Amino acid sequence: MQPDQYSALIVVDVQNGFCPDGNLAVANGDEVVPVINHLALYFNNIIITQDWHPENHISFASNHTDHQPFDQITLDYGTQILWPAHCIQNSYDAQLHPDLSLPTAQLIIRKGFHQHIDSYSAFMEADQKTSTGLAGYLKEREIHTVYITGLATDFCVAWTALDAIKLGFKTYVIEDACRAIDLNGSLNLAWQNMLDAGIERIQSQQIFKV
């Protein structure tokens, strides 16, 4: 399995906020960093995503009276899980993990900055209407295959992968370069949805062995 000039590595939300001691820490989230750094050596095209929320973001439980983190509410675009306030713009929590080393990274997609729409996917906000522009950027560069890594497997990684394959990209998720929140069985459901959509589940060693 050889990434080529028409392949891109997408590194999803490897930020302090999703690593140990972050405001929405994913268990062992920092363990993806050395794996992703090693993978980066095999890619000429790397895209980074960064959660970038205003303090009054609609997905924060603290902005909803009588609600707690991980409650669910219904918004115009569907069900919304309420999260602890995290990755607030210009905060330490929102910064990329300091050990991340991606020398060929070309683009950072910031998402979740619209107050009234959450944004998990690197391609499309949660309303499934507002594009980030990433698909156009990749297609302009004739990239047709994406390899997705980062945090968290069952939310931003899965949504990114599902949008990628819908948009016509050959899509791989590198399982050991991701970690999950696993909220009420969300990890198994995410993998089932991804596999059903035709996304391939691989391990980093399948690239390192090339």
N, C-alpha and C. Protein backbone atom coordinates (compact mmCIF):
# COMPACT_ATOMS: atom_id res chain seq x y z
N MET A 1 0.86 -1.19 0.00
CA MET A 1 0.00 0.00 0.00
C MET A 1 0.89 1.23 0.00
N GLN A 2 1.00 1.87 -1.15
CA GLN A 2 1.96 2.96 -1.33
C GLN A 2 1.25 4.28 -1.58
N PRO A 3 1.24 5.19 -0.59
CA PRO A 3 0.71 6.53 -0.87
C PRO A 3 1.54 7.17 -1.98
N ASP A 4 0.88 7.90 -2.89
CA ASP A 4 1.58 8.54 -3.99
C ASP A 4 1.22 10.01 -4.03
N GLN A 5 1.60 10.67 -5.12
CA GLN A 5 1.36 12.12 -5.22
C GLN A 5 -0.12 12.46 -5.28
N TYR A 6 -0.96 11.44 -5.53
CA TYR A 6 -2.40 11.65 -5.60
C TYR A 6 -3.11 11.22 -4.31
N SER A 7 -2.33 11.04 -3.24
CA SER A 7 -2.86 10.66 -1.93
C SER A 7 -2.62 11.78 -0.93
N ALA A 8 -3.50 11.88 0.06
CA ALA A 8 -3.32 12.86 1.12
C ALA A 8 -3.58 12.21 2.47
N LEU A 9 -2.80 12.60 3.45
CA LEU A 9 -3.01 12.22 4.85
C LEU A 9 -3.82 13.35 5.50
N ILE A 10 -4.95 13.00 6.10
CA ILE A 10 -5.76 13.98 6.82
C ILE A 10 -5.61 13.70 8.32
N VAL A 11 -5.12 14.68 9.04
CA VAL A 11 -4.86 14.57 10.48
C VAL A 11 -5.93 15.38 11.20
N VAL A 12 -6.84 14.67 11.87
CA VAL A 12 -8.04 15.28 12.42
C VAL A 12 -7.86 15.64 13.90
N ASP A 13 -7.88 16.92 14.20
CA ASP A 13 -8.07 17.44 15.57
C ASP A 13 -7.10 16.86 16.61
N VAL A 14 -5.83 16.76 16.27
CA VAL A 14 -4.85 16.30 17.26
C VAL A 14 -4.41 17.53 18.04
N GLN A 15 -5.28 17.90 18.97
CA GLN A 15 -5.16 19.15 19.73
C GLN A 15 -5.08 18.85 21.22
N ASN A 16 -4.55 19.81 21.96
CA ASN A 16 -4.43 19.64 23.41
C ASN A 16 -5.77 19.32 24.05
N GLY A 17 -6.84 19.89 23.53
CA GLY A 17 -8.15 19.69 24.13
C GLY A 17 -8.64 18.26 24.11
N PHE A 18 -8.14 17.46 23.17
CA PHE A 18 -8.57 16.07 23.04
C PHE A 18 -7.53 15.09 23.56
N CYS A 19 -6.46 15.60 24.15
CA CYS A 19 -5.40 14.77 24.72
C CYS A 19 -5.49 14.82 26.25
N PRO A 20 -4.75 13.96 26.96
CA PRO A 20 -4.83 13.97 28.43
C PRO A 20 -4.69 15.38 29.01
N ASP A 21 -5.54 15.68 29.97
CA ASP A 21 -5.65 16.99 30.63
C ASP A 21 -6.38 18.04 29.79
N GLY A 22 -6.84 17.65 28.60
CA GLY A 22 -7.63 18.58 27.80
C GLY A 22 -9.05 18.66 28.30
N ASN A 23 -9.80 19.65 27.81
CA ASN A 23 -11.17 19.87 28.27
C ASN A 23 -12.15 18.83 27.76
N LEU A 24 -11.79 18.13 26.67
CA LEU A 24 -12.60 17.01 26.18
C LEU A 24 -11.63 15.88 25.83
N ALA A 25 -10.93 15.41 26.85
CA ALA A 25 -9.85 14.44 26.65
C ALA A 25 -10.39 13.11 26.13
N VAL A 26 -9.74 12.60 25.10
CA VAL A 26 -9.99 11.27 24.57
C VAL A 26 -8.96 10.35 25.22
N ALA A 27 -9.41 9.22 25.78
CA ALA A 27 -8.49 8.31 26.47
C ALA A 27 -7.31 7.97 25.57
N ASN A 28 -6.11 8.22 26.08
CA ASN A 28 -4.86 7.90 25.36
C ASN A 28 -4.75 8.64 24.03
N GLY A 29 -5.40 9.78 23.93
CA GLY A 29 -5.39 10.52 22.67
C GLY A 29 -4.00 10.88 22.19
N ASP A 30 -3.08 11.14 23.12
CA ASP A 30 -1.73 11.54 22.71
C ASP A 30 -0.93 10.39 22.09
N GLU A 31 -1.42 9.15 22.25
CA GLU A 31 -0.70 8.01 21.68
C GLU A 31 -0.69 8.02 20.15
N VAL A 32 -1.58 8.80 19.55
CA VAL A 32 -1.60 8.85 18.08
C VAL A 32 -0.45 9.68 17.53
N VAL A 33 0.14 10.54 18.35
CA VAL A 33 1.11 11.52 17.83
C VAL A 33 2.33 10.85 17.19
N PRO A 34 3.04 9.92 17.88
CA PRO A 34 4.19 9.32 17.22
C PRO A 34 3.84 8.50 15.99
N VAL A 35 2.67 7.88 16.00
CA VAL A 35 2.25 7.09 14.83
C VAL A 35 2.02 8.03 13.64
N ILE A 36 1.32 9.13 13.88
CA ILE A 36 1.05 10.09 12.81
C ILE A 36 2.34 10.73 12.32
N ASN A 37 3.25 11.05 13.22
CA ASN A 37 4.54 11.63 12.81
C ASN A 37 5.30 10.67 11.89
N HIS A 38 5.24 9.38 12.19
CA HIS A 38 5.89 8.38 11.34
C HIS A 38 5.18 8.29 9.99
N LEU A 39 3.86 8.26 10.01
CA LEU A 39 3.09 8.22 8.76
C LEU A 39 3.41 9.42 7.87
N ALA A 40 3.62 10.57 8.49
CA ALA A 40 3.85 11.80 7.72
C ALA A 40 5.05 11.69 6.79
N LEU A 41 5.99 10.82 7.13
CA LEU A 41 7.18 10.65 6.30
C LEU A 41 6.85 10.04 4.95
N TYR A 42 5.67 9.44 4.83
CA TYR A 42 5.28 8.73 3.60
C TYR A 42 4.37 9.56 2.71
N PHE A 43 4.05 10.79 3.13
CA PHE A 43 3.06 11.59 2.40
C PHE A 43 3.63 12.94 2.00
N ASN A 44 3.40 13.30 0.73
CA ASN A 44 3.75 14.63 0.26
C ASN A 44 2.62 15.63 0.49
N ASN A 45 1.42 15.12 0.73
CA ASN A 45 0.25 15.97 0.92
C ASN A 45 -0.39 15.68 2.27
N ILE A 46 -0.40 16.67 3.14
CA ILE A 46 -0.99 16.50 4.48
C ILE A 46 -1.92 17.67 4.76
N ILE A 47 -3.11 17.34 5.24
CA ILE A 47 -4.10 18.34 5.65
C ILE A 47 -4.35 18.15 7.15
N ILE A 48 -4.41 19.24 7.88
CA ILE A 48 -4.68 19.22 9.32
C ILE A 48 -6.05 19.85 9.56
N THR A 49 -6.83 19.29 10.48
CA THR A 49 -8.03 20.00 10.93
C THR A 49 -7.85 20.43 12.38
N GLN A 50 -8.54 21.50 12.71
CA GLN A 50 -8.43 22.10 14.04
C GLN A 50 -9.80 22.59 14.49
N ASP A 51 -10.30 22.01 15.58
CA ASP A 51 -11.53 22.51 16.20
C ASP A 51 -11.25 23.93 16.69
N TRP A 52 -12.19 24.85 16.42
CA TRP A 52 -11.89 26.27 16.66
C TRP A 52 -13.18 27.00 17.05
N HIS A 53 -13.61 26.75 18.29
CA HIS A 53 -14.94 27.18 18.71
C HIS A 53 -14.93 28.56 19.37
N PRO A 54 -15.98 29.37 19.14
CA PRO A 54 -16.20 30.54 19.98
C PRO A 54 -16.73 30.11 21.35
N GLU A 55 -16.59 30.97 22.34
CA GLU A 55 -17.03 30.62 23.70
C GLU A 55 -18.52 30.33 23.77
N ASN A 56 -19.29 30.95 22.89
CA ASN A 56 -20.75 30.80 22.94
C ASN A 56 -21.24 29.73 21.97
N HIS A 57 -20.42 28.77 21.66
CA HIS A 57 -20.79 27.77 20.65
C HIS A 57 -21.99 26.94 21.09
N ILE A 58 -22.84 26.64 20.12
CA ILE A 58 -24.11 25.95 20.39
C ILE A 58 -23.91 24.53 20.92
N SER A 59 -22.75 23.93 20.69
CA SER A 59 -22.52 22.55 21.12
C SER A 59 -22.06 22.44 22.58
N PHE A 60 -21.82 23.56 23.23
CA PHE A 60 -21.32 23.52 24.61
C PHE A 60 -22.49 23.42 25.59
N ALA A 61 -22.45 22.42 26.45
CA ALA A 61 -23.50 22.25 27.45
C ALA A 61 -23.66 23.50 28.31
N SER A 62 -22.54 24.19 28.58
CA SER A 62 -22.57 25.38 29.44
C SER A 62 -23.39 26.51 28.85
N ASN A 63 -23.70 26.42 27.55
CA ASN A 63 -24.51 27.46 26.90
C ASN A 63 -25.99 27.08 26.82
N HIS A 64 -26.38 26.02 27.53
CA HIS A 64 -27.78 25.56 27.54
C HIS A 64 -28.24 25.38 28.98
N THR A 65 -29.23 26.14 29.39
CA THR A 65 -29.75 26.04 30.75
C THR A 65 -30.30 24.64 31.00
N ASP A 66 -30.01 24.10 32.17
CA ASP A 66 -30.54 22.81 32.61
C ASP A 66 -30.03 21.62 31.78
N HIS A 67 -28.87 21.76 31.15
CA HIS A 67 -28.28 20.64 30.43
C HIS A 67 -26.86 20.38 30.92
N GLN A 68 -26.47 19.11 30.82
CA GLN A 68 -25.15 18.68 31.24
C GLN A 68 -24.38 18.16 30.03
N PRO A 69 -23.04 18.11 30.13
CA PRO A 69 -22.27 17.50 29.05
C PRO A 69 -22.77 16.09 28.73
N PHE A 70 -22.82 15.81 27.45
CA PHE A 70 -23.23 14.53 26.86
C PHE A 70 -24.75 14.33 26.81
N ASP A 71 -25.53 15.34 27.27
CA ASP A 71 -26.95 15.34 26.95
C ASP A 71 -27.11 15.51 25.44
N GLN A 72 -28.29 15.15 24.95
CA GLN A 72 -28.59 15.36 23.54
C GLN A 72 -29.77 16.31 23.40
N ILE A 73 -29.67 17.21 22.43
CA ILE A 73 -30.77 18.11 22.11
C ILE A 73 -31.03 18.04 20.61
N THR A 74 -32.14 18.60 20.18
CA THR A 74 -32.46 18.64 18.76
C THR A 74 -32.32 20.08 18.26
N LEU A 75 -31.53 20.24 17.21
CA LEU A 75 -31.36 21.55 16.57
C LEU A 75 -31.92 21.48 15.15
N ASP A 76 -31.85 22.58 14.43
CA ASP A 76 -32.42 22.63 13.08
C ASP A 76 -31.88 21.52 12.19
N TYR A 77 -30.60 21.16 12.39
CA TYR A 77 -29.96 20.18 11.51
C TYR A 77 -29.97 18.76 12.08
N GLY A 78 -30.63 18.56 13.23
CA GLY A 78 -30.73 17.21 13.78
C GLY A 78 -30.26 17.12 15.21
N THR A 79 -29.91 15.91 15.63
CA THR A 79 -29.50 15.67 17.01
C THR A 79 -28.10 16.24 17.26
N GLN A 80 -27.97 16.91 18.39
CA GLN A 80 -26.68 17.48 18.78
C GLN A 80 -26.31 16.99 20.17
N ILE A 81 -25.16 16.34 20.30
CA ILE A 81 -24.61 16.01 21.62
C ILE A 81 -24.01 17.29 22.19
N LEU A 82 -24.27 17.54 23.45
CA LEU A 82 -23.69 18.69 24.12
C LEU A 82 -22.37 18.29 24.77
N TRP A 83 -21.34 19.07 24.51
CA TRP A 83 -19.99 18.75 24.95
C TRP A 83 -19.53 19.71 26.04
N PRO A 84 -18.55 19.30 26.84
CA PRO A 84 -17.87 20.30 27.68
C PRO A 84 -17.24 21.36 26.77
N ALA A 85 -17.17 22.58 27.25
CA ALA A 85 -16.52 23.63 26.46
C ALA A 85 -15.08 23.20 26.16
N HIS A 86 -14.69 23.27 24.88
CA HIS A 86 -13.37 22.76 24.49
C HIS A 86 -12.88 23.50 23.24
N CYS A 87 -11.57 23.49 23.07
CA CYS A 87 -10.93 24.05 21.88
C CYS A 87 -11.46 25.44 21.55
N ILE A 88 -11.52 26.28 22.57
CA ILE A 88 -11.96 27.66 22.36
C ILE A 88 -10.86 28.44 21.65
N GLN A 89 -11.26 29.21 20.67
CA GLN A 89 -10.33 29.93 19.81
C GLN A 89 -9.23 30.63 20.61
N ASN A 90 -7.98 30.45 20.14
CA ASN A 90 -6.79 31.10 20.71
C ASN A 90 -6.41 30.62 22.11
N SER A 91 -7.03 29.52 22.56
CA SER A 91 -6.68 28.97 23.87
C SER A 91 -5.62 27.89 23.72
N TYR A 92 -4.98 27.54 24.83
CA TYR A 92 -4.04 26.41 24.83
C TYR A 92 -4.75 25.14 24.43
N ASP A 93 -6.00 24.98 24.88
CA ASP A 93 -6.79 23.78 24.59
C ASP A 93 -6.94 23.57 23.08
N ALA A 94 -7.01 24.66 22.33
CA ALA A 94 -7.24 24.58 20.88
C ALA A 94 -5.95 24.36 20.08
N GLN A 95 -4.80 24.53 20.72
CA GLN A 95 -3.54 24.39 19.99
C GLN A 95 -3.31 22.95 19.57
N LEU A 96 -2.64 22.78 18.44
CA LEU A 96 -2.22 21.44 18.03
C LEU A 96 -1.26 20.87 19.06
N HIS A 97 -1.26 19.54 19.21
CA HIS A 97 -0.35 18.90 20.17
C HIS A 97 1.09 19.33 19.87
N PRO A 98 1.83 19.73 20.89
CA PRO A 98 3.17 20.30 20.64
C PRO A 98 4.16 19.33 20.00
N ASP A 99 3.94 18.03 20.13
CA ASP A 99 4.88 17.06 19.55
C ASP A 99 4.53 16.65 18.13
N LEU A 100 3.43 17.17 17.60
CA LEU A 100 3.03 16.84 16.24
C LEU A 100 4.06 17.42 15.27
N SER A 101 4.56 16.57 14.37
CA SER A 101 5.58 17.01 13.41
C SER A 101 5.15 16.59 12.01
N LEU A 102 4.68 17.55 11.24
CA LEU A 102 4.09 17.28 9.92
C LEU A 102 4.73 18.23 8.90
N PRO A 103 5.96 17.95 8.50
CA PRO A 103 6.71 18.92 7.68
C PRO A 103 6.11 19.21 6.32
N THR A 104 5.30 18.29 5.76
CA THR A 104 4.71 18.55 4.45
C THR A 104 3.25 18.98 4.54
N ALA A 105 2.79 19.34 5.73
CA ALA A 105 1.42 19.84 5.87
C ALA A 105 1.26 21.15 5.10
N GLN A 106 0.16 21.25 4.35
CA GLN A 106 -0.05 22.40 3.47
C GLN A 106 -1.22 23.26 3.88
N LEU A 107 -2.14 22.71 4.65
CA LEU A 107 -3.41 23.41 4.88
C LEU A 107 -3.96 23.02 6.24
N ILE A 108 -4.45 24.01 6.98
CA ILE A 108 -5.19 23.77 8.21
C ILE A 108 -6.64 24.18 7.97
N ILE A 109 -7.54 23.22 8.15
CA ILE A 109 -8.97 23.50 8.06
C ILE A 109 -9.49 23.73 9.47
N ARG A 110 -9.92 24.95 9.77
CA ARG A 110 -10.51 25.23 11.07
C ARG A 110 -12.01 25.03 10.97
N LYS A 111 -12.56 24.34 11.96
CA LYS A 111 -13.98 24.00 11.91
C LYS A 111 -14.65 24.26 13.26
N GLY A 112 -15.97 24.40 13.22
CA GLY A 112 -16.70 24.67 14.45
C GLY A 112 -16.67 26.12 14.87
N PHE A 113 -16.27 27.02 13.96
CA PHE A 113 -16.18 28.43 14.34
C PHE A 113 -17.48 29.19 14.13
N HIS A 114 -18.46 28.56 13.41
CA HIS A 114 -19.78 29.17 13.31
C HIS A 114 -20.56 28.86 14.60
N GLN A 115 -21.06 29.89 15.24
CA GLN A 115 -21.69 29.74 16.56
C GLN A 115 -22.84 28.73 16.57
N HIS A 116 -23.63 28.71 15.51
CA HIS A 116 -24.89 27.96 15.53
C HIS A 116 -24.83 26.61 14.81
N ILE A 117 -23.65 26.19 14.37
CA ILE A 117 -23.52 24.89 13.69
C ILE A 117 -22.31 24.17 14.25
N ASP A 118 -22.48 22.92 14.66
CA ASP A 118 -21.31 22.13 15.05
C ASP A 118 -20.66 21.60 13.77
N SER A 119 -19.44 21.12 13.91
CA SER A 119 -18.68 20.70 12.73
C SER A 119 -17.72 19.59 13.12
N TYR A 120 -18.04 18.38 12.71
CA TYR A 120 -17.16 17.24 12.97
C TYR A 120 -16.26 16.95 11.77
N SER A 121 -16.85 16.97 10.58
CA SER A 121 -16.14 16.54 9.37
C SER A 121 -15.19 17.62 8.86
N ALA A 122 -14.10 17.17 8.26
CA ALA A 122 -13.18 18.10 7.59
C ALA A 122 -13.77 18.66 6.31
N PHE A 123 -14.83 18.03 5.80
CA PHE A 123 -15.40 18.42 4.51
C PHE A 123 -16.67 19.24 4.61
N MET A 124 -17.48 18.96 5.62
CA MET A 124 -18.84 19.52 5.65
C MET A 124 -19.26 19.74 7.10
N GLU A 125 -19.89 20.87 7.36
CA GLU A 125 -20.37 21.11 8.72
C GLU A 125 -21.61 20.25 8.98
N ALA A 126 -22.05 20.23 10.23
CA ALA A 126 -23.06 19.25 10.65
C ALA A 126 -24.42 19.47 10.00
N ASP A 127 -24.64 20.64 9.39
CA ASP A 127 -25.89 20.84 8.67
C ASP A 127 -25.90 20.14 7.31
N GLN A 128 -24.74 19.56 6.95
CA GLN A 128 -24.58 18.85 5.66
C GLN A 128 -24.83 19.77 4.47
N LYS A 129 -24.69 21.08 4.68
CA LYS A 129 -24.85 22.05 3.60
C LYS A 129 -23.64 22.96 3.47
N THR A 130 -23.02 23.28 4.60
CA THR A 130 -21.93 24.26 4.62
C THR A 130 -20.61 23.55 4.40
N SER A 131 -20.00 23.79 3.25
CA SER A 131 -18.75 23.13 2.89
C SER A 131 -17.55 23.88 3.48
N THR A 132 -16.51 23.13 3.83
CA THR A 132 -15.25 23.76 4.27
C THR A 132 -14.37 24.14 3.09
N GLY A 133 -14.67 23.61 1.91
CA GLY A 133 -13.83 23.86 0.74
C GLY A 133 -12.74 22.82 0.54
N LEU A 134 -12.62 21.85 1.47
CA LEU A 134 -11.54 20.88 1.36
C LEU A 134 -11.67 20.00 0.12
N ALA A 135 -12.87 19.57 -0.22
CA ALA A 135 -13.03 18.70 -1.38
C ALA A 135 -12.53 19.39 -2.64
N GLY A 136 -12.88 20.66 -2.81
CA GLY A 136 -12.42 21.40 -3.98
C GLY A 136 -10.91 21.54 -4.01
N TYR A 137 -10.33 21.79 -2.85
CA TYR A 137 -8.87 21.92 -2.75
C TYR A 137 -8.18 20.63 -3.19
N LEU A 138 -8.67 19.49 -2.69
CA LEU A 138 -8.05 18.21 -3.03
C LEU A 138 -8.23 17.89 -4.51
N LYS A 139 -9.43 18.13 -5.02
CA LYS A 139 -9.69 17.80 -6.43
C LYS A 139 -8.88 18.69 -7.36
N GLU A 140 -8.69 19.93 -6.99
CA GLU A 140 -7.86 20.84 -7.79
C GLU A 140 -6.43 20.32 -7.89
N ARG A 141 -5.99 19.63 -6.85
CA ARG A 141 -4.63 19.07 -6.82
C ARG A 141 -4.59 17.62 -7.33
N GLU A 142 -5.72 17.17 -7.87
CA GLU A 142 -5.84 15.82 -8.46
C GLU A 142 -5.62 14.71 -7.44
N ILE A 143 -5.91 15.00 -6.17
CA ILE A 143 -5.83 13.98 -5.11
C ILE A 143 -7.12 13.18 -5.12
N HIS A 144 -7.00 11.86 -5.19
CA HIS A 144 -8.19 11.00 -5.26
C HIS A 144 -8.28 9.99 -4.12
N THR A 145 -7.23 9.93 -3.27
CA THR A 145 -7.21 8.96 -2.17
C THR A 145 -6.85 9.68 -0.88
N VAL A 146 -7.62 9.42 0.19
CA VAL A 146 -7.31 10.03 1.48
C VAL A 146 -7.15 8.95 2.55
N TYR A 147 -6.19 9.20 3.44
CA TYR A 147 -5.92 8.36 4.59
C TYR A 147 -6.19 9.21 5.82
N ILE A 148 -7.10 8.76 6.68
CA ILE A 148 -7.58 9.61 7.76
C ILE A 148 -7.09 9.09 9.11
N THR A 149 -6.61 10.01 9.93
CA THR A 149 -6.08 9.70 11.27
C THR A 149 -6.60 10.75 12.24
N GLY A 150 -6.43 10.50 13.55
CA GLY A 150 -6.67 11.55 14.53
C GLY A 150 -7.74 11.24 15.56
N LEU A 151 -8.41 12.29 16.01
CA LEU A 151 -9.31 12.24 17.16
C LEU A 151 -10.65 12.92 16.82
N ALA A 152 -11.72 12.32 17.18
CA ALA A 152 -11.84 10.97 17.74
C ALA A 152 -12.44 10.06 16.67
N THR A 153 -12.08 8.77 16.74
CA THR A 153 -12.50 7.82 15.72
C THR A 153 -13.99 7.88 15.45
N ASP A 154 -14.78 7.94 16.51
CA ASP A 154 -16.23 7.77 16.38
C ASP A 154 -16.97 9.06 16.10
N PHE A 155 -16.28 10.18 16.05
CA PHE A 155 -16.95 11.44 15.73
C PHE A 155 -16.25 12.12 14.55
N CYS A 156 -15.25 12.94 14.80
CA CYS A 156 -14.69 13.74 13.71
C CYS A 156 -13.99 12.90 12.65
N VAL A 157 -13.32 11.82 13.05
CA VAL A 157 -12.69 10.94 12.07
C VAL A 157 -13.75 10.25 11.21
N ALA A 158 -14.75 9.68 11.85
CA ALA A 158 -15.79 8.95 11.11
C ALA A 158 -16.57 9.87 10.18
N TRP A 159 -16.95 11.04 10.66
CA TRP A 159 -17.70 11.97 9.82
C TRP A 159 -16.85 12.42 8.63
N THR A 160 -15.57 12.64 8.86
CA THR A 160 -14.67 13.02 7.77
C THR A 160 -14.59 11.91 6.74
N ALA A 161 -14.43 10.67 7.21
CA ALA A 161 -14.32 9.53 6.30
C ALA A 161 -15.60 9.33 5.50
N LEU A 162 -16.74 9.42 6.16
CA LEU A 162 -18.01 9.22 5.47
C LEU A 162 -18.26 10.30 4.41
N ASP A 163 -17.90 11.53 4.72
CA ASP A 163 -18.03 12.59 3.71
C ASP A 163 -17.04 12.37 2.57
N ALA A 164 -15.83 11.94 2.90
CA ALA A 164 -14.81 11.73 1.86
C ALA A 164 -15.29 10.73 0.82
N ILE A 165 -15.82 9.60 1.30
CA ILE A 165 -16.23 8.57 0.34
C ILE A 165 -17.46 9.02 -0.45
N LYS A 166 -18.36 9.77 0.20
CA LYS A 166 -19.52 10.32 -0.53
C LYS A 166 -19.08 11.26 -1.65
N LEU A 167 -18.00 11.96 -1.41
CA LEU A 167 -17.50 12.94 -2.37
C LEU A 167 -16.61 12.31 -3.44
N GLY A 168 -16.46 10.99 -3.39
CA GLY A 168 -15.76 10.29 -4.46
C GLY A 168 -14.31 9.96 -4.21
N PHE A 169 -13.82 10.17 -2.99
CA PHE A 169 -12.44 9.83 -2.67
C PHE A 169 -12.32 8.38 -2.21
N LYS A 170 -11.28 7.69 -2.67
CA LYS A 170 -10.94 6.40 -2.08
C LYS A 170 -10.50 6.70 -0.65
N THR A 171 -11.09 5.99 0.32
CA THR A 171 -10.95 6.42 1.72
C THR A 171 -10.47 5.28 2.62
N TYR A 172 -9.40 5.55 3.32
CA TYR A 172 -8.86 4.64 4.33
C TYR A 172 -8.88 5.34 5.69
N VAL A 173 -9.20 4.59 6.75
CA VAL A 173 -9.01 5.06 8.11
C VAL A 173 -7.94 4.20 8.75
N ILE A 174 -6.89 4.84 9.26
CA ILE A 174 -5.76 4.12 9.86
C ILE A 174 -6.06 3.96 11.35
N GLU A 175 -6.53 2.77 11.71
CA GLU A 175 -7.14 2.55 13.02
C GLU A 175 -6.19 2.86 14.17
N ASP A 176 -4.94 2.43 14.09
CA ASP A 176 -4.03 2.62 15.23
C ASP A 176 -3.48 4.05 15.30
N ALA A 177 -3.85 4.89 14.33
CA ALA A 177 -3.50 6.30 14.38
C ALA A 177 -4.71 7.15 14.79
N CYS A 178 -5.69 6.50 15.40
CA CYS A 178 -6.90 7.15 15.91
C CYS A 178 -7.19 6.66 17.33
N ARG A 179 -7.94 7.43 18.08
CA ARG A 179 -8.48 7.00 19.36
C ARG A 179 -9.93 7.50 19.45
N ALA A 180 -10.73 6.81 20.27
CA ALA A 180 -12.17 7.07 20.29
C ALA A 180 -12.65 7.60 21.64
N ILE A 181 -13.79 8.29 21.60
CA ILE A 181 -14.51 8.67 22.83
C ILE A 181 -15.32 7.47 23.31
N ASP A 182 -15.97 6.78 22.40
CA ASP A 182 -16.82 5.60 22.66
C ASP A 182 -17.92 5.93 23.66
N LEU A 183 -18.84 6.76 23.22
CA LEU A 183 -19.97 7.22 24.03
C LEU A 183 -21.19 6.36 23.70
N ASN A 184 -21.58 5.52 24.66
CA ASN A 184 -22.78 4.67 24.49
C ASN A 184 -22.73 3.82 23.21
N GLY A 185 -21.58 3.19 22.98
CA GLY A 185 -21.45 2.31 21.83
C GLY A 185 -21.14 3.02 20.52
N SER A 186 -20.75 4.28 20.60
CA SER A 186 -20.54 5.07 19.38
C SER A 186 -19.39 4.55 18.52
N LEU A 187 -18.40 3.90 19.13
CA LEU A 187 -17.26 3.42 18.35
C LEU A 187 -17.67 2.29 17.42
N ASN A 188 -18.36 1.29 17.96
CA ASN A 188 -18.80 0.17 17.11
C ASN A 188 -19.74 0.65 16.01
N LEU A 189 -20.63 1.56 16.36
CA LEU A 189 -21.57 2.09 15.36
C LEU A 189 -20.82 2.84 14.26
N ALA A 190 -19.83 3.62 14.65
CA ALA A 190 -19.07 4.39 13.66
C ALA A 190 -18.34 3.46 12.70
N TRP A 191 -17.70 2.41 13.24
CA TRP A 191 -17.00 1.48 12.36
C TRP A 191 -17.98 0.76 11.44
N GLN A 192 -19.12 0.39 11.96
CA GLN A 192 -20.10 -0.29 11.12
C GLN A 192 -20.55 0.61 9.97
N ASN A 193 -20.81 1.87 10.29
CA ASN A 193 -21.22 2.82 9.26
C ASN A 193 -20.12 3.03 8.22
N MET A 194 -18.88 3.12 8.69
CA MET A 194 -17.77 3.35 7.77
C MET A 194 -17.55 2.14 6.86
N LEU A 195 -17.56 0.95 7.44
CA LEU A 195 -17.34 -0.25 6.64
C LEU A 195 -18.48 -0.47 5.65
N ASP A 196 -19.71 -0.21 6.09
CA ASP A 196 -20.86 -0.33 5.19
C ASP A 196 -20.76 0.62 4.00
N ALA A 197 -20.13 1.77 4.22
CA ALA A 197 -20.00 2.77 3.16
C ALA A 197 -18.87 2.46 2.20
N GLY A 198 -18.05 1.45 2.53
CA GLY A 198 -16.94 1.09 1.65
C GLY A 198 -15.60 1.66 2.06
N ILE A 199 -15.54 2.24 3.23
CA ILE A 199 -14.27 2.75 3.76
C ILE A 199 -13.41 1.58 4.22
N GLU A 200 -12.12 1.64 3.96
CA GLU A 200 -11.22 0.55 4.34
C GLU A 200 -10.53 0.86 5.67
N ARG A 201 -10.53 -0.14 6.54
CA ARG A 201 -9.94 -0.04 7.89
C ARG A 201 -8.56 -0.69 7.84
N ILE A 202 -7.52 0.11 8.02
CA ILE A 202 -6.16 -0.42 7.91
C ILE A 202 -5.34 -0.04 9.14
N GLN A 203 -4.14 -0.58 9.21
CA GLN A 203 -3.20 -0.29 10.29
C GLN A 203 -1.98 0.43 9.69
N SER A 204 -1.31 1.20 10.51
CA SER A 204 -0.15 1.96 10.02
C SER A 204 0.93 1.05 9.45
N GLN A 205 1.07 -0.16 10.00
CA GLN A 205 2.11 -1.06 9.52
C GLN A 205 1.93 -1.43 8.06
N GLN A 206 0.71 -1.35 7.55
CA GLN A 206 0.48 -1.65 6.16
C GLN A 206 1.10 -0.60 5.24
N ILE A 207 1.31 0.57 5.77
CA ILE A 207 2.03 1.61 5.02
C ILE A 207 3.52 1.54 5.30
N PHE A 208 3.90 1.32 6.55
CA PHE A 208 5.32 1.28 6.91
C PHE A 208 6.05 0.13 6.21
N LYS A 209 5.34 -0.95 5.89
CA LYS A 209 5.99 -2.12 5.29
C LYS A 209 6.30 -1.95 3.81
N VAL A 210 5.79 -0.87 3.22
CA VAL A 210 6.00 -0.67 1.76
C VAL A 210 7.49 -0.52 1.47
